Amino acid sequence: MAQAASGGYEIPARLRTLHNLVIQYASQRRYEVAVPLCKKALEDLEKTSGNEHPDVATMLNILALVYRDQGKYKEAGNLLHDAIKILEKTLGYDHPAVAATLNNLAVLYGKRGKYKETEPLCKRALEIREKVLGKDHPDVAKQLSNLALLCQNLGKYKEVEQYYQRALEIYESKLGPDDPNVAKTKNYLVRMTVQCCLVPYPRRTLIWML
């Protein structure tokens, strides 16, 4: 999960643990366990922290992930819109947690093939990460990779190459030449050079973040 600790808010350990548990249940398609678990945690958070708390927004993100995996895209989208409103009000418009949730909404739109709606969300998430984390942060590289995948689906191949090239430079300078992300990004660039377009991701499209 992407770190959202900048600006005075860090995702509590209990919610990280819950997120991992929910992911495990969802991967096993045990939604009858995952959904009530999320809803109960959300109810408890709203009682103890109020309806407009960053922890509530984090829990909305987690529940939205489960709904997305179930194909309940409308319900997931509503939760993410609510989460964005809460985070913007409590943490500000330029917080990494806002960027992560914008990215998650972009993932959801990408699943539905709504690439035009996805692009402004990804770009705003990138702007926030660059502003708060710096233009050479690895999380910026992740967002650039998401934008490259999006532009692939939109047929904007020149931009795909630009985004991947910049992501590669960040990974190499910050994580070193032996980091797995370096090899992956180089592979995508080679494929694009040879084929003039990228080979699609195997069922992953964009990356979900918290």
C-alpha atoms as a PDB file:
ATOM      1  CA  MET A   1       0.000   0.000   0.000  1.00  0.00           C
ATOM      2  CA  ALA A   2       1.138   3.517  -0.725  1.00  0.00           C
ATOM      3  CA  GLN A   3       2.142   5.505   2.354  1.00  0.00           C
ATOM      4  CA  ALA A   4      -0.269   8.325   3.167  1.00  0.00           C
ATOM      5  CA  ALA A   5       1.578   9.685   6.180  1.00  0.00           C
ATOM      6  CA  SER A   6       2.420  13.168   4.909  1.00  0.00           C
ATOM      7  CA  GLY A   7       0.510  16.173   6.148  1.00  0.00           C
ATOM      8  CA  GLY A   8      -0.246  14.920   9.652  1.00  0.00           C
ATOM      9  CA  TYR A   9      -2.219  11.753   8.876  1.00  0.00           C
ATOM     10  CA  GLU A  10      -1.039   8.154   8.872  1.00  0.00           C
ATOM     11  CA  ILE A  11      -3.283   5.169   8.249  1.00  0.00           C
ATOM     12  CA  PRO A  12      -3.675   3.400  11.630  1.00  0.00           C
ATOM     13  CA  ALA A  13      -2.065  -0.019  11.986  1.00  0.00           C
ATOM     14  CA  ARG A  14      -5.438  -1.625  12.749  1.00  0.00           C
ATOM     15  CA  LEU A  15      -6.831  -0.466   9.408  1.00  0.00           C
ATOM     16  CA  ARG A  16      -3.752  -1.717   7.560  1.00  0.00           C
ATOM     17  CA  THR A  17      -4.229  -5.096   9.226  1.00  0.00           C
ATOM     18  CA  LEU A  18      -7.918  -5.062   8.366  1.00  0.00           C
ATOM     19  CA  HIS A  19      -7.092  -4.137   4.772  1.00  0.00           C
ATOM     20  CA  ASN A  20      -4.764  -7.147   4.467  1.00  0.00           C
ATOM     21  CA  LEU A  21      -7.378  -9.435   5.999  1.00  0.00           C
ATOM     22  CA  VAL A  22     -10.079  -8.164   3.651  1.00  0.00           C
ATOM     23  CA  ILE A  23      -7.762  -8.653   0.671  1.00  0.00           C
ATOM     24  CA  GLN A  24      -7.236 -12.246   1.764  1.00  0.00           C
ATOM     25  CA  TYR A  25     -10.965 -12.911   2.034  1.00  0.00           C
ATOM     26  CA  ALA A  26     -11.652 -11.199  -1.291  1.00  0.00           C
ATOM     27  CA  SER A  27      -8.953 -13.249  -3.048  1.00  0.00           C
ATOM     28  CA  GLN A  28     -10.774 -16.340  -1.788  1.00  0.00           C
ATOM     29  CA  ARG A  29     -14.101 -14.854  -2.957  1.00  0.00           C
ATOM     30  CA  ARG A  30     -15.358 -14.993   0.613  1.00  0.00           C
ATOM     31  CA  TYR A  31     -17.352 -11.812   0.200  1.00  0.00           C
ATOM     32  CA  GLU A  32     -19.938 -12.958   2.714  1.00  0.00           C
ATOM     33  CA  VAL A  33     -17.179 -12.497   5.309  1.00  0.00           C
ATOM     34  CA  ALA A  34     -15.333  -9.512   3.823  1.00  0.00           C
ATOM     35  CA  VAL A  35     -18.347  -7.219   3.324  1.00  0.00           C
ATOM     36  CA  PRO A  36     -19.857  -7.525   6.844  1.00  0.00           C
ATOM     37  CA  LEU A  37     -16.360  -7.134   8.313  1.00  0.00           C
ATOM     38  CA  CYS A  38     -15.893  -3.862   6.436  1.00  0.00           C
ATOM     39  CA  LYS A  39     -19.362  -2.575   7.247  1.00  0.00           C
ATOM     40  CA  LYS A  40     -18.964  -3.314  10.967  1.00  0.00           C
ATOM     41  CA  ALA A  41     -15.589  -1.569  11.063  1.00  0.00           C
ATOM     42  CA  LEU A  42     -17.056   1.413   9.197  1.00  0.00           C
ATOM     43  CA  GLU A  43     -19.984   1.612  11.612  1.00  0.00           C
ATOM     44  CA  ASP A  44     -17.643   1.522  14.607  1.00  0.00           C
ATOM     45  CA  LEU A  45     -15.417   4.235  13.152  1.00  0.00           C
ATOM     46  CA  GLU A  46     -18.363   6.506  12.438  1.00  0.00           C
ATOM     47  CA  LYS A  47     -19.567   6.094  16.027  1.00  0.00           C
ATOM     48  CA  THR A  48     -16.188   6.763  17.621  1.00  0.00           C
ATOM     49  CA  SER A  49     -14.680   9.308  15.208  1.00  0.00           C
ATOM     50  CA  GLY A  50     -17.664  10.826  13.452  1.00  0.00           C
ATOM     51  CA  ASN A  51     -18.721  10.641   9.814  1.00  0.00           C
ATOM     52  CA  GLU A  52     -16.022  13.011   8.584  1.00  0.00           C
ATOM     53  CA  HIS A  53     -12.733  11.509   9.733  1.00  0.00           C
ATOM     54  CA  PRO A  54      -9.800  10.315   7.578  1.00  0.00           C
ATOM     55  CA  ASP A  55     -10.083   6.836   9.102  1.00  0.00           C
ATOM     56  CA  VAL A  56     -13.656   6.642   7.821  1.00  0.00           C
ATOM     57  CA  ALA A  57     -12.411   7.587   4.350  1.00  0.00           C
ATOM     58  CA  THR A  58      -9.767   4.849   4.554  1.00  0.00           C
ATOM     59  CA  MET A  59     -12.441   2.327   5.472  1.00  0.00           C
ATOM     60  CA  LEU A  60     -14.586   3.499   2.558  1.00  0.00           C
ATOM     61  CA  ASN A  61     -11.616   2.812   0.291  1.00  0.00           C
ATOM     62  CA  ILE A  62     -11.290  -0.717   1.642  1.00  0.00           C
ATOM     63  CA  LEU A  63     -15.001  -1.473   1.248  1.00  0.00           C
ATOM     64  CA  ALA A  64     -14.921  -0.005  -2.254  1.00  0.00           C
ATOM     65  CA  LEU A  65     -12.140  -2.435  -3.132  1.00  0.00           C
ATOM     66  CA  VAL A  66     -14.347  -5.365  -2.120  1.00  0.00           C
ATOM     67  CA  TYR A  67     -17.295  -4.024  -4.098  1.00  0.00           C
ATOM     68  CA  ARG A  68     -15.026  -3.509  -7.113  1.00  0.00           C
ATOM     69  CA  ASP A  69     -13.885  -7.129  -6.959  1.00  0.00           C
ATOM     70  CA  GLN A  70     -17.543  -8.164  -6.842  1.00  0.00           C
ATOM     71  CA  GLY A  71     -18.293  -6.112  -9.942  1.00  0.00           C
ATOM     72  CA  LYS A  72     -20.440  -3.666  -7.951  1.00  0.00           C
ATOM     73  CA  TYR A  73     -18.883  -0.651  -9.641  1.00  0.00           C
ATOM     74  CA  LYS A  74     -21.657   1.843  -8.903  1.00  0.00           C
ATOM     75  CA  GLU A  75     -21.558   1.127  -5.169  1.00  0.00           C
ATOM     76  CA  ALA A  76     -17.763   1.278  -5.154  1.00  0.00           C
ATOM     77  CA  GLY A  77     -17.778   4.582  -7.025  1.00  0.00           C
ATOM     78  CA  ASN A  78     -20.202   6.164  -4.569  1.00  0.00           C
ATOM     79  CA  LEU A  79     -17.991   5.147  -1.645  1.00  0.00           C
ATOM     80  CA  LEU A  80     -14.883   6.589  -3.283  1.00  0.00           C
ATOM     81  CA  HIS A  81     -16.603   9.889  -4.064  1.00  0.00           C
ATOM     82  CA  ASP A  82     -17.618  10.103  -0.394  1.00  0.00           C
ATOM     83  CA  ALA A  83     -14.070   9.288   0.692  1.00  0.00           C
ATOM     84  CA  ILE A  84     -12.619  12.032  -1.519  1.00  0.00           C
ATOM     85  CA  LYS A  85     -14.997  14.610  -0.035  1.00  0.00           C
ATOM     86  CA  ILE A  86     -14.049  13.606   3.507  1.00  0.00           C
ATOM     87  CA  LEU A  87     -10.316  13.698   2.795  1.00  0.00           C
ATOM     88  CA  GLU A  88     -10.451  17.025   0.981  1.00  0.00           C
ATOM     89  CA  LYS A  89     -12.379  18.562   3.875  1.00  0.00           C
ATOM     90  CA  THR A  90     -10.249  17.124   6.679  1.00  0.00           C
ATOM     91  CA  LEU A  91      -6.759  16.901   5.142  1.00  0.00           C
ATOM     92  CA  GLY A  92      -6.887  19.389   2.281  1.00  0.00           C
ATOM     93  CA  TYR A  93      -7.048  19.130  -1.492  1.00  0.00           C
ATOM     94  CA  ASP A  94      -3.337  18.389  -1.906  1.00  0.00           C
ATOM     95  CA  HIS A  95      -2.865  15.469   0.471  1.00  0.00           C
ATOM     96  CA  PRO A  96      -1.383  12.096  -0.607  1.00  0.00           C
ATOM     97  CA  ALA A  97      -4.463  10.315   0.763  1.00  0.00           C
ATOM     98  CA  VAL A  98      -6.592  12.343  -1.667  1.00  0.00           C
ATOM     99  CA  ALA A  99      -4.226  11.331  -4.489  1.00  0.00           C
ATOM    100  CA  ALA A 100      -4.503   7.661  -3.526  1.00  0.00           C
ATOM    101  CA  THR A 101      -8.304   7.786  -3.517  1.00  0.00           C
ATOM    102  CA  LEU A 102      -8.398   9.643  -6.833  1.00  0.00           C
ATOM    103  CA  ASN A 103      -6.207   6.887  -8.209  1.00  0.00           C
ATOM    104  CA  ASN A 104      -8.586   4.249  -6.854  1.00  0.00           C
ATOM    105  CA  LEU A 105     -11.504   5.961  -8.558  1.00  0.00           C
ATOM    106  CA  ALA A 106      -9.437   5.976 -11.754  1.00  0.00           C
ATOM    107  CA  VAL A 107      -8.882   2.227 -11.366  1.00  0.00           C
ATOM    108  CA  LEU A 108     -12.626   1.772 -11.073  1.00  0.00           C
ATOM    109  CA  TYR A 109     -13.346   3.807 -14.201  1.00  0.00           C
ATOM    110  CA  GLY A 110     -10.619   1.886 -16.016  1.00  0.00           C
ATOM    111  CA  LYS A 111     -12.330  -1.388 -15.117  1.00  0.00           C
ATOM    112  CA  ARG A 112     -15.449  -0.050 -16.813  1.00  0.00           C
ATOM    113  CA  GLY A 113     -13.558   1.191 -19.863  1.00  0.00           C
ATOM    114  CA  LYS A 114     -14.233   4.843 -19.005  1.00  0.00           C
ATOM    115  CA  TYR A 115     -10.742   5.972 -19.943  1.00  0.00           C
ATOM    116  CA  LYS A 116     -11.625   9.593 -20.705  1.00  0.00           C
ATOM    117  CA  GLU A 117     -13.014  10.001 -17.199  1.00  0.00           C
ATOM    118  CA  THR A 118      -9.947   8.247 -15.811  1.00  0.00           C
ATOM    119  CA  GLU A 119      -7.333  10.579 -17.306  1.00  0.00           C
ATOM    120  CA  PRO A 120      -8.095  13.771 -15.285  1.00  0.00           C
ATOM    121  CA  LEU A 121      -8.208  11.732 -12.067  1.00  0.00           C
ATOM    122  CA  CYS A 122      -4.772  10.222 -12.730  1.00  0.00           C
ATOM    123  CA  LYS A 123      -3.317  13.584 -13.699  1.00  0.00           C
ATOM    124  CA  ARG A 124      -4.628  15.294 -10.582  1.00  0.00           C
ATOM    125  CA  ALA A 125      -3.246  12.441  -8.449  1.00  0.00           C
ATOM    126  CA  LEU A 126       0.123  12.898 -10.145  1.00  0.00           C
ATOM    127  CA  GLU A 127       0.110  16.657  -9.507  1.00  0.00           C
ATOM    128  CA  ILE A 128      -0.613  16.105  -5.816  1.00  0.00           C
ATOM    129  CA  ARG A 129       2.142  13.516  -5.420  1.00  0.00           C
ATOM    130  CA  GLU A 130       4.665  15.728  -7.215  1.00  0.00           C
ATOM    131  CA  LYS A 131       3.749  18.717  -5.065  1.00  0.00           C
ATOM    132  CA  VAL A 132       3.841  16.910  -1.722  1.00  0.00           C
ATOM    133  CA  LEU A 133       6.434  14.167  -2.262  1.00  0.00           C
ATOM    134  CA  GLY A 134       8.675  15.740  -4.886  1.00  0.00           C
ATOM    135  CA  LYS A 135       8.969  14.978  -8.591  1.00  0.00           C
ATOM    136  CA  ASP A 136      11.486  12.163  -8.105  1.00  0.00           C
ATOM    137  CA  HIS A 137       9.637  10.121  -5.461  1.00  0.00           C
ATOM    138  CA  PRO A 138       8.947   6.409  -6.213  1.00  0.00           C
ATOM    139  CA  ASP A 139       5.207   6.975  -5.619  1.00  0.00           C
ATOM    140  CA  VAL A 140       5.333   9.547  -8.420  1.00  0.00           C
ATOM    141  CA  ALA A 141       6.863   6.853 -10.639  1.00  0.00           C
ATOM    142  CA  LYS A 142       3.974   4.519  -9.786  1.00  0.00           C
ATOM    143  CA  GLN A 143       1.482   7.193 -10.775  1.00  0.00           C
ATOM    144  CA  LEU A 144       3.406   7.812 -14.009  1.00  0.00           C
ATOM    145  CA  SER A 145       3.170   4.095 -14.779  1.00  0.00           C
ATOM    146  CA  ASN A 146      -0.592   4.247 -14.242  1.00  0.00           C
ATOM    147  CA  LEU A 147      -0.805   7.191 -16.623  1.00  0.00           C
ATOM    148  CA  ALA A 148       1.242   5.265 -19.189  1.00  0.00           C
ATOM    149  CA  LEU A 149      -1.196   2.344 -18.997  1.00  0.00           C
ATOM    150  CA  LEU A 150      -4.120   4.713 -19.327  1.00  0.00           C
ATOM    151  CA  CYS A 151      -2.611   6.432 -22.367  1.00  0.00           C
ATOM    152  CA  GLN A 152      -2.069   3.008 -23.891  1.00  0.00           C
ATOM    153  CA  ASN A 153      -5.801   2.385 -23.723  1.00  0.00           C
ATOM    154  CA  LEU A 154      -6.442   5.815 -25.219  1.00  0.00           C
ATOM    155  CA  GLY A 155      -3.992   5.210 -28.047  1.00  0.00           C
ATOM    156  CA  LYS A 156      -1.686   8.039 -26.954  1.00  0.00           C
ATOM    157  CA  TYR A 157       1.507   6.100 -27.568  1.00  0.00           C
ATOM    158  CA  LYS A 158       3.877   9.083 -27.566  1.00  0.00           C
ATOM    159  CA  GLU A 159       2.720   9.991 -24.067  1.00  0.00           C
ATOM    160  CA  VAL A 160       3.021   6.343 -23.010  1.00  0.00           C
ATOM    161  CA  GLU A 161       6.715   6.414 -23.857  1.00  0.00           C
ATOM    162  CA  GLN A 162       7.252   9.744 -22.095  1.00  0.00           C
ATOM    163  CA  TYR A 163       5.576   8.610 -18.886  1.00  0.00           C
ATOM    164  CA  TYR A 164       7.419   5.288 -18.788  1.00  0.00           C
ATOM    165  CA  GLN A 165      10.766   6.943 -19.535  1.00  0.00           C
ATOM    166  CA  ARG A 166      10.315   9.370 -16.674  1.00  0.00           C
ATOM    167  CA  ALA A 167       9.194   6.585 -14.322  1.00  0.00           C
ATOM    168  CA  LEU A 168      12.290   4.590 -15.299  1.00  0.00           C
ATOM    169  CA  GLU A 169      14.580   7.513 -14.484  1.00  0.00           C
ATOM    170  CA  ILE A 170      13.002   7.862 -11.032  1.00  0.00           C
ATOM    171  CA  TYR A 171      13.235   4.138 -10.270  1.00  0.00           C
ATOM    172  CA  GLU A 172      16.881   3.975 -11.343  1.00  0.00           C
ATOM    173  CA  SER A 173      17.936   7.051  -9.372  1.00  0.00           C
ATOM    174  CA  LYS A 174      15.954   6.345  -6.207  1.00  0.00           C
ATOM    175  CA  LEU A 175      15.741   2.544  -6.021  1.00  0.00           C
ATOM    176  CA  GLY A 176      18.821   1.488  -7.973  1.00  0.00           C
ATOM    177  CA  PRO A 177      19.334  -0.347 -11.273  1.00  0.00           C
ATOM    178  CA  ASP A 178      18.551  -3.761  -9.752  1.00  0.00           C
ATOM    179  CA  ASP A 179      15.081  -2.846  -8.478  1.00  0.00           C
ATOM    180  CA  PRO A 180      12.329  -5.007 -10.084  1.00  0.00           C
ATOM    181  CA  ASN A 181      10.449  -1.885 -11.199  1.00  0.00           C
ATOM    182  CA  VAL A 182      13.412  -0.917 -13.374  1.00  0.00           C
ATOM    183  CA  ALA A 183      13.330  -4.212 -15.263  1.00  0.00           C
ATOM    184  CA  LYS A 184       9.548  -4.080 -15.671  1.00  0.00           C
ATOM    185  CA  THR A 185       9.577  -0.540 -17.008  1.00  0.00           C
ATOM    186  CA  LYS A 186      12.429  -1.277 -19.407  1.00  0.00           C
ATOM    187  CA  ASN A 187      10.489  -4.274 -20.680  1.00  0.00           C
ATOM    188  CA  TYR A 188       7.456  -2.133 -21.475  1.00  0.00           C
ATOM    189  CA  LEU A 189       9.624   0.414 -23.281  1.00  0.00           C
ATOM    190  CA  VAL A 190      11.266  -2.301 -25.395  1.00  0.00           C
ATOM    191  CA  ARG A 191       7.901  -3.787 -26.311  1.00  0.00           C
ATOM    192  CA  MET A 192       6.653  -0.399 -27.368  1.00  0.00           C
ATOM    193  CA  THR A 193       9.724   0.284 -29.475  1.00  0.00           C
ATOM    194  CA  VAL A 194       9.395  -3.044 -31.275  1.00  0.00           C
ATOM    195  CA  GLN A 195       5.634  -3.153 -31.663  1.00  0.00           C
ATOM    196  CA  CYS A 196       4.794   0.601 -31.625  1.00  0.00           C
ATOM    197  CA  CYS A 197       2.306  -0.116 -28.868  1.00  0.00           C
ATOM    198  CA  LEU A 198       2.287  -1.714 -25.441  1.00  0.00           C
ATOM    199  CA  VAL A 199       1.200  -5.251 -24.679  1.00  0.00           C
ATOM    200  CA  PRO A 200      -1.738  -4.893 -22.221  1.00  0.00           C
ATOM    201  CA  TYR A 201      -1.314  -5.722 -18.589  1.00  0.00           C
ATOM    202  CA  PRO A 202      -2.714  -9.164 -17.716  1.00  0.00           C
ATOM    203  CA  ARG A 203      -5.985  -8.154 -16.054  1.00  0.00           C
ATOM    204  CA  ARG A 204      -4.328  -5.562 -13.788  1.00  0.00           C
ATOM    205  CA  THR A 205      -4.633  -2.254 -15.620  1.00  0.00           C
ATOM    206  CA  LEU A 206      -4.085   0.383 -12.934  1.00  0.00           C
ATOM    207  CA  ILE A 207      -2.782  -0.043  -9.391  1.00  0.00           C
ATOM    208  CA  TRP A 208      -5.097   0.320  -6.377  1.00  0.00           C
ATOM    209  CA  MET A 209      -3.593   2.352  -3.518  1.00  0.00           C
ATOM    210  CA  LEU A 210      -4.333   3.282   0.079  1.00  0.00           C
END
